[in-house]
């Protein structure tokens, strides 16, 4: 396989962005994309060119590139859990609502199944649930 071409798997390109609380509000961009820091610098240059009369703001973004990795799991607090179950198969639970996704190797979703509280996980005490489904047309 050509080393310059990304691996074609649903989790091969990923990014997590976190912000520090208080202080200067530094941002930490963690990604598998080795081009991310260069793209960030290009964006800052374009923004500075739009307002050459202003001094450029400080770049408070740190980059961590984990090249050659595949996204596997994310847990945020006790209310969201996202996990890769198999190649192209993802499971997510958000406060008792379970979502299963099957994606193609380029990361485009092909099948999504949603299960409400009580189907796979219990409802969270004190949480109100609602569902709005405005259309039932198949996306093209």
Protein backbone atom coordinates (compact mmCIF):
# COMPACT_ATOMS: atom_id res chain seq x y z
CA UNK A 1 0.00 0.00 0.00
CA UNK A 2 1.20 3.52 -0.84
CA UNK A 3 2.39 5.21 2.39
CA UNK A 4 1.02 8.61 1.23
CA UNK A 5 -2.52 7.30 0.79
CA UNK A 6 -4.80 7.00 3.81
CA UNK A 7 -6.03 3.58 4.81
CA UNK A 8 -9.61 3.17 3.61
CA UNK A 9 -11.33 2.08 6.81
CA UNK A 10 -14.19 3.83 8.58
CA UNK A 11 -12.07 4.72 11.64
CA UNK A 12 -8.80 5.49 9.85
CA UNK A 13 -9.29 9.27 9.93
CA UNK A 14 -10.37 10.71 13.25
CA UNK A 15 -10.07 13.88 15.33
CA UNK A 16 -10.81 14.88 18.90
CA UNK A 17 -10.82 18.54 19.89
CA UNK A 18 -10.72 19.56 23.57
CA UNK A 19 -10.57 22.98 25.21
CA UNK A 20 -8.99 23.85 28.52
CA UNK A 21 -11.29 25.44 31.08
CA UNK A 22 -10.32 28.94 32.23
CA UNK A 23 -7.02 30.67 31.64
CA UNK A 24 -6.07 31.24 28.02
CA UNK A 25 -8.46 28.50 26.86
CA UNK A 26 -5.85 26.47 25.03
CA UNK A 27 -7.14 23.95 22.51
CA UNK A 28 -5.74 20.48 21.99
CA UNK A 29 -6.31 18.92 18.58
CA UNK A 30 -5.63 15.17 18.65
CA UNK A 31 -5.87 13.46 15.27
CA UNK A 32 -4.67 10.67 13.05
CA UNK A 33 -4.20 13.08 10.13
CA UNK A 34 -0.54 14.09 9.68
CA UNK A 35 -1.64 17.06 7.53
CA UNK A 36 -3.70 18.62 10.33
CA UNK A 37 -1.03 20.99 11.77
CA UNK A 38 -0.20 22.34 8.30
CA UNK A 39 -3.88 22.87 7.48
CA UNK A 40 -4.33 24.67 10.80
CA UNK A 41 -1.40 27.00 9.97
CA UNK A 42 -2.87 27.70 6.51
CA UNK A 43 -6.22 28.59 8.08
CA UNK A 44 -4.54 31.03 10.47
CA UNK A 45 -2.69 32.64 7.54
CA UNK A 46 -5.94 33.07 5.58
CA UNK A 47 -7.65 34.61 8.61
CA UNK A 48 -4.73 37.01 9.17
CA UNK A 49 -4.84 38.02 5.48
CA UNK A 50 -8.51 38.95 5.84
CA UNK A 51 -7.65 41.53 8.52
CA UNK A 52 -4.07 42.73 7.89
CA UNK A 53 -4.79 45.81 10.04
CA UNK A 54 -5.05 43.66 13.17
CA UNK A 55 -2.26 41.79 14.90
CA UNK A 56 -2.70 38.04 14.51
CA UNK A 57 -4.22 36.39 17.57
CA UNK A 58 -2.00 33.99 19.49
CA UNK A 59 -2.17 30.40 18.31
CA UNK A 60 -3.37 28.54 21.38
CA UNK A 61 -3.81 25.22 19.61
CA UNK A 62 -1.54 22.30 20.36
CA UNK A 63 -1.43 19.37 17.96
CA UNK A 64 -0.94 15.71 18.70
CA UNK A 65 -0.77 13.54 15.59
CA UNK A 66 -1.13 9.80 16.09
CA UNK A 67 -0.43 8.73 12.54
CA UNK A 68 -1.21 5.17 11.54
CA UNK A 69 -3.90 4.77 14.21
CA UNK A 70 -7.54 3.84 14.00
CA UNK A 71 -10.22 5.30 16.26
CA UNK A 72 -11.59 2.70 18.67
CA UNK A 73 -13.43 4.14 21.66
CA UNK A 74 -14.57 7.38 23.28
CA UNK A 75 -16.13 7.74 26.71
CA UNK A 76 -17.33 11.14 27.97
CA UNK A 77 -18.48 11.23 31.57
CA UNK A 78 -21.10 8.62 32.31
CA UNK A 79 -23.47 9.60 29.53
CA UNK A 80 -21.79 8.91 26.17
CA UNK A 81 -19.89 5.84 25.01
CA UNK A 82 -18.84 5.26 21.39
CA UNK A 83 -17.00 2.12 20.39
CA UNK A 84 -15.88 0.37 17.23
CA UNK A 85 -17.24 -3.18 17.40
CA UNK A 86 -15.76 -4.52 14.15
CA UNK A 87 -14.50 -3.17 10.85
CA UNK A 88 -17.10 -0.63 9.77
CA UNK A 89 -19.41 -1.41 12.71
CA UNK A 90 -19.93 1.12 15.50
CA UNK A 91 -22.02 1.13 18.67
CA UNK A 92 -22.92 4.22 20.65
CA UNK A 93 -24.91 4.78 23.81
CA UNK A 94 -26.06 8.25 24.79
CA UNK A 95 -27.85 8.29 28.12
CA UNK A 96 -29.69 5.03 27.50
CA UNK A 97 -30.31 5.50 23.74
CA UNK A 98 -28.34 3.00 21.66
CA UNK A 99 -27.25 3.64 18.07
CA UNK A 100 -25.64 1.02 15.82
CA UNK A 101 -23.93 2.24 12.64
CA UNK A 102 -22.54 0.29 9.72
CA UNK A 103 -20.22 2.41 7.57
CA UNK A 104 -18.44 1.75 4.29
CA UNK A 105 -14.66 1.78 4.18
CA UNK A 106 -14.62 5.52 3.45
CA UNK A 107 -16.59 6.19 6.63
CA UNK A 108 -19.96 6.91 4.99
CA UNK A 109 -22.88 5.53 7.02
CA UNK A 110 -24.88 2.84 5.24
CA UNK A 111 -27.13 1.46 8.00
CA UNK A 112 -28.21 3.18 11.22
CA UNK A 113 -30.40 1.51 13.84
CA UNK A 114 -31.64 3.47 16.87
CA UNK A 115 -33.01 1.84 20.03
CA UNK A 116 -34.71 3.75 22.80
CA UNK A 117 -34.21 3.39 26.53
CA UNK A 118 -35.30 -0.04 27.72
CA UNK A 119 -34.32 -1.87 24.52
CA UNK A 120 -30.56 -2.29 25.15
CA UNK A 121 -29.95 -0.06 28.15
CA UNK A 122 -32.13 1.30 30.94
CA UNK A 123 -33.49 4.81 30.91
CA UNK A 124 -31.50 7.25 33.02
CA UNK A 125 -33.42 8.29 36.11
CA UNK A 126 -34.54 11.91 35.89
CA UNK A 127 -33.89 12.16 32.13
CA UNK A 128 -36.69 13.14 29.74
CA UNK A 129 -36.62 11.45 26.33
CA UNK A 130 -38.23 12.55 23.09
CA UNK A 131 -37.86 11.57 19.45
CA UNK A 132 -38.47 13.74 16.42
CA UNK A 133 -38.29 12.05 13.05
CA UNK A 134 -39.25 14.59 10.40
CA UNK A 135 -38.74 12.46 7.32
CA UNK A 136 -38.54 8.84 6.40
CA UNK A 137 -37.04 9.24 2.96
CA UNK A 138 -33.94 7.32 1.97
CA UNK A 139 -30.95 9.59 1.47
CA UNK A 140 -29.41 9.59 -1.96
